[in-house]
PDB file of N, CA and C in Angstrom:
ATOM      1  N   UNK A   1     -12.018  -7.275 -11.710  1.00  0.00           N
ATOM      2  CA  UNK A   1     -10.783  -6.533 -11.858  1.00  0.00           C
ATOM      3  C   UNK A   1      -9.710  -7.500 -12.354  1.00  0.00           C
ATOM      4  N   UNK A   2      -9.036  -7.150 -13.438  1.00  0.00           N
ATOM      5  CA  UNK A   2      -8.008  -8.029 -13.975  1.00  0.00           C
ATOM      6  C   UNK A   2      -6.693  -7.861 -13.211  1.00  0.00           C
ATOM      7  N   UNK A   3      -5.757  -8.728 -13.509  1.00  0.00           N
ATOM      8  CA  UNK A   3      -4.496  -8.754 -12.773  1.00  0.00           C
ATOM      9  C   UNK A   3      -3.703  -7.462 -12.939  1.00  0.00           C
ATOM     10  N   UNK A   4      -3.650  -6.908 -14.131  1.00  0.00           N
ATOM     11  CA  UNK A   4      -2.892  -5.681 -14.349  1.00  0.00           C
ATOM     12  C   UNK A   4      -3.470  -4.546 -13.514  1.00  0.00           C
ATOM     13  N   UNK A   5      -4.756  -4.464 -13.409  1.00  0.00           N
ATOM     14  CA  UNK A   5      -5.387  -3.407 -12.624  1.00  0.00           C
ATOM     15  C   UNK A   5      -5.040  -3.569 -11.149  1.00  0.00           C
ATOM     16  N   UNK A   6      -5.012  -4.792 -10.651  1.00  0.00           N
ATOM     17  CA  UNK A   6      -4.653  -5.025  -9.253  1.00  0.00           C
ATOM     18  C   UNK A   6      -3.214  -4.578  -9.004  1.00  0.00           C
ATOM     19  N   UNK A   7      -2.337  -4.847  -9.947  1.00  0.00           N
ATOM     20  CA  UNK A   7      -0.944  -4.412  -9.825  1.00  0.00           C
ATOM     21  C   UNK A   7      -0.872  -2.887  -9.802  1.00  0.00           C
ATOM     22  N   UNK A   8      -1.669  -2.236 -10.648  1.00  0.00           N
ATOM     23  CA  UNK A   8      -1.699  -0.773 -10.656  1.00  0.00           C
ATOM     24  C   UNK A   8      -2.161  -0.209  -9.323  1.00  0.00           C
ATOM     25  N   UNK A   9      -3.172  -0.837  -8.730  1.00  0.00           N
ATOM     26  CA  UNK A   9      -3.688  -0.386  -7.434  1.00  0.00           C
ATOM     27  C   UNK A   9      -2.613  -0.533  -6.365  1.00  0.00           C
ATOM     28  N   UNK A  10      -1.951  -1.676  -6.342  1.00  0.00           N
ATOM     29  CA  UNK A  10      -0.909  -1.921  -5.338  1.00  0.00           C
ATOM     30  C   UNK A  10       0.241  -0.935  -5.518  1.00  0.00           C
ATOM     31  N   UNK A  11       0.664  -0.704  -6.755  1.00  0.00           N
ATOM     32  CA  UNK A  11       1.744   0.256  -7.004  1.00  0.00           C
ATOM     33  C   UNK A  11       1.347   1.663  -6.562  1.00  0.00           C
ATOM     34  N   UNK A  12       0.126   2.047  -6.832  1.00  0.00           N
ATOM     35  CA  UNK A  12      -0.334   3.381  -6.443  1.00  0.00           C
ATOM     36  C   UNK A  12      -0.382   3.534  -4.932  1.00  0.00           C
ATOM     37  N   UNK A  13      -0.860   2.511  -4.247  1.00  0.00           N
ATOM     38  CA  UNK A  13      -0.944   2.569  -2.784  1.00  0.00           C
ATOM     39  C   UNK A  13       0.453   2.648  -2.173  1.00  0.00           C
ATOM     40  N   UNK A  14       1.372   1.826  -2.660  1.00  0.00           N
ATOM     41  CA  UNK A  14       2.731   1.846  -2.118  1.00  0.00           C
ATOM     42  C   UNK A  14       3.441   3.158  -2.428  1.00  0.00           C
ATOM     43  N   UNK A  15       3.254   3.684  -3.639  1.00  0.00           N
ATOM     44  CA  UNK A  15       3.869   4.962  -3.993  1.00  0.00           C
ATOM     45  C   UNK A  15       3.316   6.086  -3.121  1.00  0.00           C
ATOM     46  N   UNK A  16       2.032   6.055  -2.869  1.00  0.00           N
ATOM     47  CA  UNK A  16       1.424   7.077  -2.009  1.00  0.00           C
ATOM     48  C   UNK A  16       1.916   6.953  -0.573  1.00  0.00           C
ATOM     49  N   UNK A  17       2.079   5.733  -0.107  1.00  0.00           N
ATOM     50  CA  UNK A  17       2.539   5.519   1.265  1.00  0.00           C
ATOM     51  C   UNK A  17       3.945   6.083   1.471  1.00  0.00           C
ATOM     52  N   UNK A  18       4.777   5.982   0.449  1.00  0.00           N
ATOM     53  CA  UNK A  18       6.140   6.499   0.559  1.00  0.00           C
ATOM     54  C   UNK A  18       6.256   7.950   0.104  1.00  0.00           C
ATOM     55  N   UNK A  19       5.160   8.512  -0.385  1.00  0.00           N
ATOM     56  CA  UNK A  19       5.154   9.915  -0.775  1.00  0.00           C
ATOM     57  C   UNK A  19       5.802  10.209  -2.112  1.00  0.00           C
ATOM     58  N   UNK A  20       5.835   9.227  -2.997  1.00  0.00           N
ATOM     59  CA  UNK A  20       6.474   9.435  -4.296  1.00  0.00           C
ATOM     60  C   UNK A  20       5.483   9.269  -5.451  1.00  0.00           C
ATOM     61  N   UNK A  21       4.213   9.399  -5.164  1.00  0.00           N
ATOM     62  CA  UNK A  21       3.170   9.263  -6.189  1.00  0.00           C
ATOM     63  C   UNK A  21       3.227  10.447  -7.153  1.00  0.00           C
ATOM     64  N   UNK A  22       3.280  10.183  -8.442  1.00  0.00           N
ATOM     65  CA  UNK A  22       3.270  11.245  -9.445  1.00  0.00           C
ATOM     66  C   UNK A  22       1.882  11.861  -9.505  1.00  0.00           C
ATOM     67  N   UNK A  23       1.831  13.140  -9.779  1.00  0.00           N
ATOM     68  CA  UNK A  23       0.561  13.854  -9.851  1.00  0.00           C
ATOM     69  C   UNK A  23      -0.348  13.277 -10.935  1.00  0.00           C
ATOM     70  N   UNK A  24       0.236  12.927 -12.065  1.00  0.00           N
ATOM     71  CA  UNK A  24      -0.580  12.372 -13.155  1.00  0.00           C
ATOM     72  C   UNK A  24      -1.173  11.022 -12.773  1.00  0.00           C
ATOM     73  N   UNK A  25      -0.409  10.203 -12.034  1.00  0.00           N
ATOM     74  CA  UNK A  25      -0.936   8.919 -11.579  1.00  0.00           C
ATOM     75  C   UNK A  25      -2.033   9.115 -10.543  1.00  0.00           C
ATOM     76  N   UNK A  26      -1.865  10.109  -9.686  1.00  0.00           N
ATOM     77  CA  UNK A  26      -2.886  10.406  -8.680  1.00  0.00           C
ATOM     78  C   UNK A  26      -4.206  10.778  -9.357  1.00  0.00           C
ATOM     79  N   UNK A  27      -4.138  11.646 -10.346  1.00  0.00           N
ATOM     80  CA  UNK A  27      -5.353  12.075 -11.045  1.00  0.00           C
ATOM     81  C   UNK A  27      -5.974  10.912 -11.823  1.00  0.00           C
ATOM     82  N   UNK A  28      -5.148  10.067 -12.389  1.00  0.00           N
ATOM     83  CA  UNK A  28      -5.661   8.882 -13.088  1.00  0.00           C
ATOM     84  C   UNK A  28      -6.381   7.960 -12.113  1.00  0.00           C
ATOM     85  N   UNK A  29      -5.800   7.765 -10.927  1.00  0.00           N
ATOM     86  CA  UNK A  29      -6.413   6.901  -9.932  1.00  0.00           C
ATOM     87  C   UNK A  29      -7.758   7.441  -9.475  1.00  0.00           C
ATOM     88  N   UNK A  30      -7.840   8.759  -9.286  1.00  0.00           N
ATOM     89  CA  UNK A  30      -9.086   9.371  -8.837  1.00  0.00           C
ATOM     90  C   UNK A  30     -10.173   9.226  -9.898  1.00  0.00           C
ATOM     91  N   UNK A  31      -9.806   9.359 -11.158  1.00  0.00           N
ATOM     92  CA  UNK A  31     -10.789   9.293 -12.239  1.00  0.00           C
ATOM     93  C   UNK A  31     -11.187   7.867 -12.588  1.00  0.00           C
ATOM     94  N   UNK A  32     -10.239   6.933 -12.576  1.00  0.00           N
ATOM     95  CA  UNK A  32     -10.507   5.585 -13.077  1.00  0.00           C
ATOM     96  C   UNK A  32     -10.832   4.568 -11.983  1.00  0.00           C
ATOM     97  N   UNK A  33     -10.205   4.701 -10.844  1.00  0.00           N
ATOM     98  CA  UNK A  33     -10.321   3.669  -9.833  1.00  0.00           C
ATOM     99  C   UNK A  33     -11.543   3.812  -8.950  1.00  0.00           C
ATOM    100  N   UNK A  34     -11.896   2.706  -8.331  1.00  0.00           N
ATOM    101  CA  UNK A  34     -12.961   2.726  -7.334  1.00  0.00           C
ATOM    102  C   UNK A  34     -12.318   2.936  -5.977  1.00  0.00           C
ATOM    103  N   UNK A  35     -12.893   3.779  -5.150  1.00  0.00           N
ATOM    104  CA  UNK A  35     -12.307   4.041  -3.830  1.00  0.00           C
ATOM    105  C   UNK A  35     -12.138   2.775  -2.992  1.00  0.00           C
ATOM    106  N   UNK A  36     -13.070   1.851  -3.110  1.00  0.00           N
ATOM    107  CA  UNK A  36     -12.984   0.629  -2.302  1.00  0.00           C
ATOM    108  C   UNK A  36     -11.721  -0.165  -2.599  1.00  0.00           C
ATOM    109  N   UNK A  37     -11.260  -0.135  -3.856  1.00  0.00           N
ATOM    110  CA  UNK A  37     -10.028  -0.844  -4.212  1.00  0.00           C
ATOM    111  C   UNK A  37      -8.836  -0.258  -3.464  1.00  0.00           C
ATOM    112  N   UNK A  38      -8.759   1.058  -3.465  1.00  0.00           N
ATOM    113  CA  UNK A  38      -7.612   1.725  -2.848  1.00  0.00           C
ATOM    114  C   UNK A  38      -7.679   1.675  -1.327  1.00  0.00           C
ATOM    115  N   UNK A  39      -8.875   1.763  -0.772  1.00  0.00           N
ATOM    116  CA  UNK A  39      -9.028   1.671   0.680  1.00  0.00           C
ATOM    117  C   UNK A  39      -8.637   0.284   1.160  1.00  0.00           C
ATOM    118  N   UNK A  40      -9.122  -0.748   0.463  1.00  0.00           N
ATOM    119  CA  UNK A  40      -8.784  -2.126   0.841  1.00  0.00           C
ATOM    120  C   UNK A  40      -7.287  -2.382   0.724  1.00  0.00           C
ATOM    121  N   UNK A  41      -6.692  -1.974  -0.385  1.00  0.00           N
ATOM    122  CA  UNK A  41      -5.251  -2.175  -0.568  1.00  0.00           C
ATOM    123  C   UNK A  41      -4.453  -1.391   0.471  1.00  0.00           C
ATOM    124  N   UNK A  42      -4.899  -0.183   0.811  1.00  0.00           N
ATOM    125  CA  UNK A  42      -4.217   0.617   1.830  1.00  0.00           C
ATOM    126  C   UNK A  42      -4.285  -0.012   3.202  1.00  0.00           C
ATOM    127  N   UNK A  43      -5.445  -0.544   3.561  1.00  0.00           N
ATOM    128  CA  UNK A  43      -5.591  -1.204   4.865  1.00  0.00           C
ATOM    129  C   UNK A  43      -4.709  -2.443   4.938  1.00  0.00           C
ATOM    130  N   UNK A  44      -4.705  -3.237   3.875  1.00  0.00           N
ATOM    131  CA  UNK A  44      -3.865  -4.444   3.853  1.00  0.00           C
ATOM    132  C   UNK A  44      -2.388  -4.078   3.939  1.00  0.00           C
ATOM    133  N   UNK A  45      -1.964  -3.069   3.191  1.00  0.00           N
ATOM    134  CA  UNK A  45      -0.561  -2.642   3.230  1.00  0.00           C
ATOM    135  C   UNK A  45      -0.185  -2.126   4.613  1.00  0.00           C
ATOM    136  N   UNK A  46      -1.087  -1.402   5.250  1.00  0.00           N
ATOM    137  CA  UNK A  46      -0.821  -0.885   6.596  1.00  0.00           C
ATOM    138  C   UNK A  46      -0.702  -2.010   7.607  1.00  0.00           C
ATOM    139  N   UNK A  47      -1.591  -2.991   7.527  1.00  0.00           N
ATOM    140  CA  UNK A  47      -1.533  -4.130   8.453  1.00  0.00           C
ATOM    141  C   UNK A  47      -0.232  -4.902   8.268  1.00  0.00           C
ATOM    142  N   UNK A  48       0.166  -5.129   7.028  1.00  0.00           N
ATOM    143  CA  UNK A  48       1.428  -5.839   6.768  1.00  0.00           C
ATOM    144  C   UNK A  48       2.604  -5.042   7.318  1.00  0.00           C
ATOM    145  N   UNK A  49       2.597  -3.730   7.131  1.00  0.00           N
ATOM    146  CA  UNK A  49       3.675  -2.878   7.625  1.00  0.00           C
ATOM    147  C   UNK A  49       3.757  -2.928   9.153  1.00  0.00           C
ATOM    148  N   UNK A  50       2.629  -2.797   9.820  1.00  0.00           N
ATOM    149  CA  UNK A  50       2.608  -2.811  11.288  1.00  0.00           C
ATOM    150  C   UNK A  50       3.045  -4.177  11.817  1.00  0.00           C
ATOM    151  N   UNK A  51       2.557  -5.247  11.222  1.00  0.00           N
ATOM    152  CA  UNK A  51       2.958  -6.582  11.674  1.00  0.00           C
ATOM    153  C   UNK A  51       4.448  -6.830  11.458  1.00  0.00           C
ATOM    154  N   UNK A  52       4.992  -6.321  10.363  1.00  0.00           N
ATOM    155  CA  UNK A  52       6.435  -6.495  10.144  1.00  0.00           C
ATOM    156  C   UNK A  52       7.236  -5.698  11.163  1.00  0.00           C
ATOM    157  N   UNK A  53       6.774  -4.498  11.523  1.00  0.00           N
ATOM    158  CA  UNK A  53       7.454  -3.733  12.576  1.00  0.00           C
ATOM    159  C   UNK A  53       7.400  -4.459  13.914  1.00  0.00           C
ATOM    160  N   UNK A  54       6.260  -5.010  14.239  1.00  0.00           N
ATOM    161  CA  UNK A  54       6.132  -5.776  15.482  1.00  0.00           C
ATOM    162  C   UNK A  54       7.081  -6.967  15.465  1.00  0.00           C
ATOM    163  N   UNK A  55       7.159  -7.652  14.329  1.00  0.00           N
ATOM    164  CA  UNK A  55       8.063  -8.796  14.209  1.00  0.00           C
ATOM    165  C   UNK A  55       9.521  -8.403  14.378  1.00  0.00           C
ATOM    166  N   UNK A  56       9.909  -7.286  13.797  1.00  0.00           N
ATOM    167  CA  UNK A  56      11.299  -6.817  13.927  1.00  0.00           C
ATOM    168  C   UNK A  56      11.607  -6.466  15.376  1.00  0.00           C
ATOM    169  N   UNK A  57      10.696  -5.774  16.033  1.00  0.00           N
ATOM    170  CA  UNK A  57      10.901  -5.414  17.445  1.00  0.00           C
ATOM    171  C   UNK A  57      10.991  -6.669  18.301  1.00  0.00           C
ATOM    172  N   UNK A  58      10.132  -7.639  18.040  1.00  0.00           N
ATOM    173  CA  UNK A  58      10.181  -8.896  18.802  1.00  0.00           C
ATOM    174  C   UNK A  58      11.516  -9.609  18.601  1.00  0.00           C
ATOM    175  N   UNK A  59      12.021  -9.616  17.377  1.00  0.00           N
ATOM    176  CA  UNK A  59      13.329 -10.230  17.113  1.00  0.00           C
ATOM    177  C   UNK A  59      14.453  -9.519  17.852  1.00  0.00           C
ATOM    178  N   UNK A  60      14.429  -8.195  17.821  1.00  0.00           N
ATOM    179  CA  UNK A  60      15.477  -7.421  18.504  1.00  0.00           C
ATOM    180  C   UNK A  60      15.414  -7.676  20.011  1.00  0.00           C
ATOM    181  N   UNK A  61      14.222  -7.675  20.557  1.00  0.00           N
ATOM    182  CA  UNK A  61      14.096  -7.913  22.001  1.00  0.00           C
ATOM    183  C   UNK A  61      14.465  -9.339  22.374  1.00  0.00           C
ATOM    184  N   UNK A  62      14.195 -10.279  21.512  1.00  0.00           N
ATOM    185  CA  UNK A  62      14.512 -11.675  21.777  1.00  0.00           C
ATOM    186  C   UNK A  62      16.032 -11.885  21.829  1.00  0.00           C
ATOM    187  N   UNK A  63      16.760 -11.265  20.916  1.00  0.00           N
ATOM    188  CA  UNK A  63      18.206 -11.458  20.837  1.00  0.00           C
ATOM    189  C   UNK A  63      18.981 -10.443  21.666  1.00  0.00           C
ATOM    190  N   UNK A  64      18.301  -9.592  22.399  1.00  0.00           N
ATOM    191  CA  UNK A  64      18.981  -8.600  23.205  1.00  0.00           C
ATOM    192  C   UNK A  64      19.188  -9.071  24.627  1.00  0.00           C
TER     193      UNK A  64
END
């Protein structure tokens, strides 16, 4: 997978997570992409999101 394709996967995952994925991009992803790419990127994005929330809560509790 080349670099541009990885960027496309990341953009699609983030757009889907925020609910702003265009219908045409969704259909393109389903036709062109491999599910494993999107599943892996989604899991990584979710882990980063959860860890950042935990970090923010820890900071708030530390300074409270």
